[in-house]
PDB file of N, CA and C in Angstrom:
ATOM      1  N   MET A   1     -36.973-116.278 -61.890  1.00  0.00           N
ATOM      2  CA  MET A   1     -35.256-115.774 -62.671  1.00  0.00           C
ATOM      3  C   MET A   1     -35.644-115.302 -64.893  1.00  0.00           C
ATOM      4  N   GLU A   2     -35.132-114.053 -64.945  1.00  0.00           N
ATOM      5  CA  GLU A   2     -35.272-113.694 -65.836  1.00  0.00           C
ATOM      6  C   GLU A   2     -34.260-114.005 -66.998  1.00  0.00           C
ATOM      7  N   GLU A   3     -34.283-114.969 -68.308  1.00  0.00           N
ATOM      8  CA  GLU A   3     -34.036-115.246 -69.220  1.00  0.00           C
ATOM      9  C   GLU A   3     -33.320-114.273 -70.091  1.00  0.00           C
ATOM     10  N   THR A   4     -32.035-114.507 -70.653  1.00  0.00           N
ATOM     11  CA  THR A   4     -31.287-113.170 -71.231  1.00  0.00           C
ATOM     12  C   THR A   4     -31.320-113.352 -72.677  1.00  0.00           C
ATOM     13  N   GLN A   5     -31.252-112.639 -73.106  1.00  0.00           N
ATOM     14  CA  GLN A   5     -31.287-112.821 -74.637  1.00  0.00           C
ATOM     15  C   GLN A   5     -30.535-112.558 -75.311  1.00  0.00           C
ATOM     16  N   VAL A   6     -29.806-113.559 -76.023  1.00  0.00           N
ATOM     17  CA  VAL A   6     -28.475-113.013 -77.113  1.00  0.00           C
ATOM     18  C   VAL A   6     -28.820-113.402 -78.475  1.00  0.00           C
ATOM     19  N   ALA A   7     -28.026-112.276 -79.203  1.00  0.00           N
ATOM     20  CA  ALA A   7     -28.394-111.892 -80.661  1.00  0.00           C
ATOM     21  C   ALA A   7     -27.365-112.626 -81.363  1.00  0.00           C
ATOM     22  N   ARG A   8     -26.908-113.613 -81.906  1.00  0.00           N
ATOM     23  CA  ARG A   8     -26.391-114.261 -82.771  1.00  0.00           C
ATOM     24  C   ARG A   8     -26.138-113.352 -84.174  1.00  0.00           C
ATOM     25  N   LEU A   9     -24.889-112.840 -84.249  1.00  0.00           N
ATOM     26  CA  LEU A   9     -25.094-111.682 -85.159  1.00  0.00           C
ATOM     27  C   LEU A   9     -23.913-112.105 -86.425  1.00  0.00           C
ATOM     28  N   PRO A  10     -23.996-111.881 -87.474  1.00  0.00           N
ATOM     29  CA  PRO A  10     -23.230-112.797 -88.838  1.00  0.00           C
ATOM     30  C   PRO A  10     -22.262-111.444 -88.927  1.00  0.00           C
ATOM     31  N   ILE A  11     -20.819-112.097 -88.914  1.00  0.00           N
ATOM     32  CA  ILE A  11     -19.610-111.257 -89.411  1.00  0.00           C
ATOM     33  C   ILE A  11     -19.593-111.415 -90.915  1.00  0.00           C
ATOM     34  N   GLU A  12     -19.833-110.225 -91.911  1.00  0.00           N
ATOM     35  CA  GLU A  12     -20.190-110.746 -93.486  1.00  0.00           C
ATOM     36  C   GLU A  12     -18.958-110.395 -94.037  1.00  0.00           C
ATOM     37  N   MET A  13     -18.527-110.460 -95.212  1.00  0.00           N
ATOM     38  CA  MET A  13     -17.071-110.259 -95.777  1.00  0.00           C
ATOM     39  C   MET A  13     -17.612-108.696 -96.528  1.00  0.00           C
ATOM     40  N   PRO A  14     -17.075-107.899 -96.204  1.00  0.00           N
ATOM     41  CA  PRO A  14     -16.981-106.368 -96.431  1.00  0.00           C
ATOM     42  C   PRO A  14     -16.863-105.816 -97.845  1.00  0.00           C
ATOM     43  N   LYS A  15     -17.641-105.209 -98.570  1.00  0.00           N
ATOM     44  CA  LYS A  15     -17.109-104.916 -99.723  1.00  0.00           C
ATOM     45  C   LYS A  15     -16.404-103.255 -99.566  1.00  0.00           C
ATOM     46  N   MET A  16     -15.409-103.765-100.239  1.00  0.00           N
ATOM     47  CA  MET A  16     -14.042-102.511 -99.494  1.00  0.00           C
ATOM     48  C   MET A  16     -13.821-102.028-101.026  1.00  0.00           C
ATOM     49  N   GLY A  17     -14.488-101.967-102.224  1.00  0.00           N
ATOM     50  CA  GLY A  17     -14.286-101.200-103.617  1.00  0.00           C
ATOM     51  C   GLY A  17     -15.247-101.524-104.418  1.00  0.00           C
ATOM     52  N   TYR A  18     -14.871-100.188-105.354  1.00  0.00           N
ATOM     53  CA  TYR A  18     -16.841-100.816-106.018  1.00  0.00           C
ATOM     54  C   TYR A  18     -16.702-101.924-106.654  1.00  0.00           C
ATOM     55  N   ASP A  19     -15.450-102.418-107.282  1.00  0.00           N
ATOM     56  CA  ASP A  19     -15.556-103.861-108.200  1.00  0.00           C
ATOM     57  C   ASP A  19     -15.516-104.864-107.547  1.00  0.00           C
ATOM     58  N   MET A  20     -15.441-104.726-106.010  1.00  0.00           N
ATOM     59  CA  MET A  20     -14.999-106.071-105.276  1.00  0.00           C
ATOM     60  C   MET A  20     -16.053-106.814-105.169  1.00  0.00           C
ATOM     61  N   GLU A  21     -15.815-108.009-105.332  1.00  0.00           N
ATOM     62  CA  GLU A  21     -16.905-109.168-105.597  1.00  0.00           C
ATOM     63  C   GLU A  21     -16.379-110.516-104.391  1.00  0.00           C
ATOM     64  N   THR A  22     -14.901-110.862-104.414  1.00  0.00           N
ATOM     65  CA  THR A  22     -15.022-111.380-103.506  1.00  0.00           C
ATOM     66  C   THR A  22     -13.691-110.913-102.682  1.00  0.00           C
ATOM     67  N   GLY A  23     -13.244-111.463-101.305  1.00  0.00           N
ATOM     68  CA  GLY A  23     -12.395-111.338-100.141  1.00  0.00           C
ATOM     69  C   GLY A  23     -11.800-112.372 -99.779  1.00  0.00           C
ATOM     70  N   LEU A  24      -9.994-112.389 -99.813  1.00  0.00           N
ATOM     71  CA  LEU A  24      -9.486-113.396 -99.218  1.00  0.00           C
ATOM     72  C   LEU A  24      -9.421-113.133 -97.772  1.00  0.00           C
ATOM     73  N   ILE A  25      -9.736-114.152 -97.018  1.00  0.00           N
ATOM     74  CA  ILE A  25      -9.322-114.134 -95.667  1.00  0.00           C
ATOM     75  C   ILE A  25      -7.558-113.825 -95.246  1.00  0.00           C
ATOM     76  N   VAL A  26      -7.217-113.479 -94.624  1.00  0.00           N
ATOM     77  CA  VAL A  26      -5.170-113.364 -94.698  1.00  0.00           C
ATOM     78  C   VAL A  26      -4.958-114.535 -93.182  1.00  0.00           C
ATOM     79  N   ARG A  27      -5.901-113.852 -92.468  1.00  0.00           N
ATOM     80  CA  ARG A  27      -5.541-113.972 -91.551  1.00  0.00           C
ATOM     81  C   ARG A  27      -6.729-113.506 -89.865  1.00  0.00           C
ATOM     82  N   TRP A  28      -6.984-114.566 -88.965  1.00  0.00           N
ATOM     83  CA  TRP A  28      -8.165-113.781 -88.303  1.00  0.00           C
ATOM     84  C   TRP A  28      -6.786-113.420 -86.781  1.00  0.00           C
ATOM     85  N   LEU A  29      -7.426-112.052 -86.545  1.00  0.00           N
ATOM     86  CA  LEU A  29      -6.866-111.732 -85.534  1.00  0.00           C
ATOM     87  C   LEU A  29      -7.237-111.716 -84.403  1.00  0.00           C
ATOM     88  N   ARG A  30      -8.683-112.171 -84.363  1.00  0.00           N
ATOM     89  CA  ARG A  30      -9.210-112.685 -83.100  1.00  0.00           C
ATOM     90  C   ARG A  30      -9.657-114.428 -82.516  1.00  0.00           C
ATOM     91  N   ALA A  31      -9.778-115.014 -81.858  1.00  0.00           N
ATOM     92  CA  ALA A  31      -9.957-116.175 -81.801  1.00  0.00           C
ATOM     93  C   ALA A  31     -11.379-116.627 -81.246  1.00  0.00           C
ATOM     94  N   VAL A  32     -11.892-117.889 -81.944  1.00  0.00           N
ATOM     95  CA  VAL A  32     -13.419-118.187 -81.312  1.00  0.00           C
ATOM     96  C   VAL A  32     -13.415-118.218 -79.482  1.00  0.00           C
ATOM     97  N   GLY A  33     -14.208-117.277 -78.698  1.00  0.00           N
ATOM     98  CA  GLY A  33     -14.120-117.249 -77.537  1.00  0.00           C
ATOM     99  C   GLY A  33     -13.901-115.692 -77.209  1.00  0.00           C
ATOM    100  N   ASP A  34     -12.498-115.077 -77.788  1.00  0.00           N
ATOM    101  CA  ASP A  34     -12.619-113.708 -76.908  1.00  0.00           C
ATOM    102  C   ASP A  34     -13.457-113.296 -77.414  1.00  0.00           C
ATOM    103  N   GLN A  35     -13.419-111.845 -76.086  1.00  0.00           N
ATOM    104  CA  GLN A  35     -14.329-110.938 -76.548  1.00  0.00           C
ATOM    105  C   GLN A  35     -14.109-109.657 -77.807  1.00  0.00           C
ATOM    106  N   ILE A  36     -14.745-109.211 -77.778  1.00  0.00           N
ATOM    107  CA  ILE A  36     -14.647-108.199 -78.996  1.00  0.00           C
ATOM    108  C   ILE A  36     -15.207-107.082 -78.610  1.00  0.00           C
ATOM    109  N   SER A  37     -14.597-105.635 -78.968  1.00  0.00           N
ATOM    110  CA  SER A  37     -15.670-104.479 -79.200  1.00  0.00           C
ATOM    111  C   SER A  37     -16.192-104.061 -80.391  1.00  0.00           C
ATOM    112  N   ARG A  38     -16.771-103.231 -80.574  1.00  0.00           N
ATOM    113  CA  ARG A  38     -17.615-102.700 -81.464  1.00  0.00           C
ATOM    114  C   ARG A  38     -15.930-101.593 -82.329  1.00  0.00           C
ATOM    115  N   GLY A  39     -15.674-102.203 -83.593  1.00  0.00           N
ATOM    116  CA  GLY A  39     -14.285-101.244 -83.918  1.00  0.00           C
ATOM    117  C   GLY A  39     -12.880-101.681 -83.960  1.00  0.00           C
ATOM    118  N   ASP A  40     -13.251-103.036 -83.089  1.00  0.00           N
ATOM    119  CA  ASP A  40     -11.571-104.003 -82.855  1.00  0.00           C
ATOM    120  C   ASP A  40     -11.320-104.221 -84.231  1.00  0.00           C
ATOM    121  N   ALA A  41     -10.398-104.720 -85.011  1.00  0.00           N
ATOM    122  CA  ALA A  41      -9.605-105.226 -85.717  1.00  0.00           C
ATOM    123  C   ALA A  41      -9.616-106.778 -85.630  1.00  0.00           C
ATOM    124  N   ILE A  42     -10.499-107.645 -86.651  1.00  0.00           N
ATOM    125  CA  ILE A  42     -10.893-109.160 -86.021  1.00  0.00           C
ATOM    126  C   ILE A  42     -10.107-109.391 -87.005  1.00  0.00           C
ATOM    127  N   ALA A  43      -9.737-109.481 -88.384  1.00  0.00           N
ATOM    128  CA  ALA A  43      -9.062-110.115 -89.401  1.00  0.00           C
ATOM    129  C   ALA A  43      -8.557-109.178 -90.392  1.00  0.00           C
ATOM    130  N   GLU A  44      -8.028-109.497 -91.385  1.00  0.00           N
ATOM    131  CA  GLU A  44      -7.223-109.494 -92.396  1.00  0.00           C
ATOM    132  C   GLU A  44      -8.024-109.689 -93.762  1.00  0.00           C
ATOM    133  N   ILE A  45      -8.290-108.889 -94.170  1.00  0.00           N
ATOM    134  CA  ILE A  45      -8.919-109.093 -95.831  1.00  0.00           C
ATOM    135  C   ILE A  45      -7.700-108.737 -96.973  1.00  0.00           C
ATOM    136  N   GLU A  46      -7.978-109.285 -97.923  1.00  0.00           N
ATOM    137  CA  GLU A  46      -7.197-109.218 -98.726  1.00  0.00           C
ATOM    138  C   GLU A  46      -8.239-108.981-100.289  1.00  0.00           C
ATOM    139  N   THR A  47      -7.703-107.874-101.077  1.00  0.00           N
ATOM    140  CA  THR A  47      -8.672-107.817-101.826  1.00  0.00           C
ATOM    141  C   THR A  47      -8.068-107.667-103.071  1.00  0.00           C
ATOM    142  N   ASP A  48      -8.117-107.512-104.717  1.00  0.00           N
ATOM    143  CA  ASP A  48      -6.845-107.377-105.625  1.00  0.00           C
ATOM    144  C   ASP A  48      -6.179-106.178-105.576  1.00  0.00           C
ATOM    145  N   LYS A  49      -6.262-105.039-104.567  1.00  0.00           N
ATOM    146  CA  LYS A  49      -5.103-104.150-104.865  1.00  0.00           C
ATOM    147  C   LYS A  49      -5.073-103.912-103.699  1.00  0.00           C
ATOM    148  N   VAL A  50      -5.500-104.224-102.541  1.00  0.00           N
ATOM    149  CA  VAL A  50      -5.237-104.203-100.483  1.00  0.00           C
ATOM    150  C   VAL A  50      -5.306-105.266 -99.507  1.00  0.00           C
ATOM    151  N   THR A  51      -4.708-105.200 -98.744  1.00  0.00           N
ATOM    152  CA  THR A  51      -4.259-105.627 -97.724  1.00  0.00           C
ATOM    153  C   THR A  51      -5.054-105.251 -96.274  1.00  0.00           C
ATOM    154  N   VAL A  52      -6.139-105.178 -95.909  1.00  0.00           N
ATOM    155  CA  VAL A  52      -7.186-104.258 -94.441  1.00  0.00           C
ATOM    156  C   VAL A  52      -7.304-105.209 -93.502  1.00  0.00           C
ATOM    157  N   GLU A  53      -6.953-104.209 -92.386  1.00  0.00           N
ATOM    158  CA  GLU A  53      -7.335-105.194 -90.979  1.00  0.00           C
ATOM    159  C   GLU A  53      -9.222-104.930 -91.303  1.00  0.00           C
ATOM    160  N   MET A  54      -9.832-105.868 -90.955  1.00  0.00           N
ATOM    161  CA  MET A  54     -12.141-105.682 -90.923  1.00  0.00           C
ATOM    162  C   MET A  54     -12.147-105.251 -89.543  1.00  0.00           C
ATOM    163  N   GLU A  55     -12.692-104.070 -89.362  1.00  0.00           N
ATOM    164  CA  GLU A  55     -13.352-104.081 -87.941  1.00  0.00           C
ATOM    165  C   GLU A  55     -14.404-104.787 -87.656  1.00  0.00           C
ATOM    166  N   ALA A  56     -14.848-105.027 -86.341  1.00  0.00           N
ATOM    167  CA  ALA A  56     -16.416-105.650 -85.980  1.00  0.00           C
ATOM    168  C   ALA A  56     -16.925-104.521 -85.894  1.00  0.00           C
ATOM    169  N   VAL A  57     -18.415-104.761 -86.171  1.00  0.00           N
ATOM    170  CA  VAL A  57     -19.224-103.927 -86.426  1.00  0.00           C
ATOM    171  C   VAL A  57     -20.301-103.643 -85.279  1.00  0.00           C
ATOM    172  N   ALA A  58     -19.998-104.917 -84.617  1.00  0.00           N
ATOM    173  CA  ALA A  58     -20.918-105.232 -83.044  1.00  0.00           C
ATOM    174  C   ALA A  58     -19.888-105.453 -81.769  1.00  0.00           C
ATOM    175  N   SER A  59     -20.656-105.679 -80.489  1.00  0.00           N
ATOM    176  CA  SER A  59     -19.579-105.946 -79.511  1.00  0.00           C
ATOM    177  C   SER A  59     -20.272-107.007 -78.966  1.00  0.00           C
ATOM    178  N   GLY A  60     -19.641-107.958 -78.300  1.00  0.00           N
ATOM    179  CA  GLY A  60     -19.942-109.300 -78.062  1.00  0.00           C
ATOM    180  C   GLY A  60     -18.664-110.678 -77.614  1.00  0.00           C
ATOM    181  N   PHE A  61     -19.294-112.091 -78.059  1.00  0.00           N
ATOM    182  CA  PHE A  61     -17.800-112.731 -78.302  1.00  0.00           C
ATOM    183  C   PHE A  61     -17.963-113.322 -79.087  1.00  0.00           C
ATOM    184  N   LEU A  62     -16.693-113.851 -80.324  1.00  0.00           N
ATOM    185  CA  LEU A  62     -16.458-114.330 -81.026  1.00  0.00           C
ATOM    186  C   LEU A  62     -16.867-115.868 -80.906  1.00  0.00           C
ATOM    187  N   VAL A  63     -18.161-116.342 -81.555  1.00  0.00           N
ATOM    188  CA  VAL A  63     -18.523-117.698 -81.128  1.00  0.00           C
ATOM    189  C   VAL A  63     -18.375-118.649 -82.645  1.00  0.00           C
ATOM    190  N   GLU A  64     -17.943-118.217 -83.656  1.00  0.00           N
ATOM    191  CA  GLU A  64     -18.322-119.684 -84.807  1.00  0.00           C
ATOM    192  C   GLU A  64     -17.058-118.488 -86.056  1.00  0.00           C
ATOM    193  N   ILE A  65     -16.231-119.320 -86.570  1.00  0.00           N
ATOM    194  CA  ILE A  65     -15.142-118.988 -87.567  1.00  0.00           C
ATOM    195  C   ILE A  65     -15.870-119.909 -88.569  1.00  0.00           C
ATOM    196  N   THR A  66     -16.645-119.427 -89.746  1.00  0.00           N
ATOM    197  CA  THR A  66     -17.179-120.129 -90.647  1.00  0.00           C
ATOM    198  C   THR A  66     -16.479-120.525 -92.493  1.00  0.00           C
ATOM    199  N   ALA A  67     -15.076-119.198 -91.790  1.00  0.00           N
ATOM    200  CA  ALA A  67     -14.311-118.883 -93.309  1.00  0.00           C
ATOM    201  C   ALA A  67     -13.185-119.064 -92.565  1.00  0.00           C
ATOM    202  N   GLY A  68     -11.996-120.061 -92.962  1.00  0.00           N
ATOM    203  CA  GLY A  68     -10.636-120.156 -92.218  1.00  0.00           C
ATOM    204  C   GLY A  68      -9.652-119.036 -93.135  1.00  0.00           C
ATOM    205  N   ALA A  69      -8.433-118.991 -92.677  1.00  0.00           N
ATOM    206  CA  ALA A  69      -7.318-118.163 -93.684  1.00  0.00           C
ATOM    207  C   ALA A  69      -7.095-118.667 -94.795  1.00  0.00           C
ATOM    208  N   GLY A  70      -7.164-117.787 -96.059  1.00  0.00           N
ATOM    209  CA  GLY A  70      -6.599-118.584 -97.395  1.00  0.00           C
ATOM    210  C   GLY A  70      -8.112-119.155 -97.980  1.00  0.00           C
ATOM    211  N   GLU A  71      -9.108-118.611 -97.294  1.00  0.00           N
ATOM    212  CA  GLU A  71     -10.208-118.942 -98.236  1.00  0.00           C
ATOM    213  C   GLU A  71     -10.947-117.585 -98.985  1.00  0.00           C
ATOM    214  N   VAL A  72     -11.529-118.181-100.220  1.00  0.00           N
ATOM    215  CA  VAL A  72     -12.413-116.565-100.401  1.00  0.00           C
ATOM    216  C   VAL A  72     -13.714-116.586-100.594  1.00  0.00           C
ATOM    217  N   VAL A  73     -13.867-115.722 -99.809  1.00  0.00           N
ATOM    218  CA  VAL A  73     -15.456-115.948 -99.714  1.00  0.00           C
ATOM    219  C   VAL A  73     -15.795-114.177-100.734  1.00  0.00           C
ATOM    220  N   ALA A  74     -17.422-114.593-100.998  1.00  0.00           N
ATOM    221  CA  ALA A  74     -18.064-114.050-101.736  1.00  0.00           C
ATOM    222  C   ALA A  74     -18.716-112.934-100.931  1.00  0.00           C
ATOM    223  N   VAL A  75     -18.634-111.199-101.579  1.00  0.00           N
ATOM    224  CA  VAL A  75     -18.917-110.344-100.418  1.00  0.00           C
ATOM    225  C   VAL A  75     -20.458-110.396-100.187  1.00  0.00           C
ATOM    226  N   GLY A  76     -20.784-110.067 -98.637  1.00  0.00           N
ATOM    227  CA  GLY A  76     -21.997-110.683 -98.050  1.00  0.00           C
ATOM    228  C   GLY A  76     -22.280-111.293 -97.245  1.00  0.00           C
ATOM    229  N   GLU A  77     -21.609-112.643 -97.488  1.00  0.00           N
ATOM    230  CA  GLU A  77     -21.315-113.971 -96.722  1.00  0.00           C
ATOM    231  C   GLU A  77     -21.038-113.825 -95.640  1.00  0.00           C
ATOM    232  N   PRO A  78     -21.726-114.914 -94.774  1.00  0.00           N
ATOM    233  CA  PRO A  78     -20.737-114.902 -93.585  1.00  0.00           C
ATOM    234  C   PRO A  78     -19.328-115.386 -93.485  1.00  0.00           C
ATOM    235  N   ILE A  79     -18.646-114.938 -92.576  1.00  0.00           N
ATOM    236  CA  ILE A  79     -17.643-115.441 -92.411  1.00  0.00           C
ATOM    237  C   ILE A  79     -16.726-115.838 -90.628  1.00  0.00           C
ATOM    238  N   GLY A  80     -18.074-115.576 -90.144  1.00  0.00           N
ATOM    239  CA  GLY A  80     -18.044-115.687 -88.872  1.00  0.00           C
ATOM    240  C   GLY A  80     -19.514-115.001 -87.849  1.00  0.00           C
ATOM    241  N   TYR A  81     -19.688-115.348 -86.955  1.00  0.00           N
ATOM    242  CA  TYR A  81     -20.379-114.909 -85.870  1.00  0.00           C
ATOM    243  C   TYR A  81     -20.244-114.683 -84.430  1.00  0.00           C
ATOM    244  N   ILE A  82     -21.007-113.477 -83.872  1.00  0.00           N
ATOM    245  CA  ILE A  82     -20.351-112.858 -82.982  1.00  0.00           C
ATOM    246  C   ILE A  82     -21.685-113.050 -81.691  1.00  0.00           C
ATOM    247  N   GLU A  83     -21.812-113.250 -81.125  1.00  0.00           N
ATOM    248  CA  GLU A  83     -23.105-113.027 -80.207  1.00  0.00           C
ATOM    249  C   GLU A  83     -22.725-112.221 -79.467  1.00  0.00           C
ATOM    250  N   ASP A  84     -23.600-111.053 -78.521  1.00  0.00           N
ATOM    251  CA  ASP A  84     -23.848-109.879 -78.054  1.00  0.00           C
ATOM    252  C   ASP A  84     -23.729-110.025 -76.651  1.00  0.00           C
ATOM    253  N   GLY A  85     -24.765-110.931 -76.153  1.00  0.00           N
ATOM    254  CA  GLY A  85     -24.916-111.393 -74.725  1.00  0.00           C
ATOM    255  C   GLY A  85     -25.802-110.179 -73.883  1.00  0.00           C
ATOM    256  N   GLU A  86     -26.239-109.978 -75.274  1.00  0.00           N
ATOM    257  CA  GLU A  86     -27.072-109.092 -74.331  1.00  0.00           C
ATOM    258  C   GLU A  86     -28.944-109.287 -74.163  1.00  0.00           C
TER     259      GLU A  86
END
């Protein structure tokens, strides 16, 4: 029986502007356990200028949310994890 390798990929707070250092998670659009595809909107992020939908950069399952709605997170820090199941 062959073992399946599962990659656990961090979802990082994206840099959405030159001066952006942190972002506020307005709300998650997907829940832990949801299957997501690359490009799916997964969360709403607010900067000092705008609120935008953050897209998944990989396909798989949302397995952990490490920063919830209302939390301010530094650019590049993980806010959740996707497992690709491949």
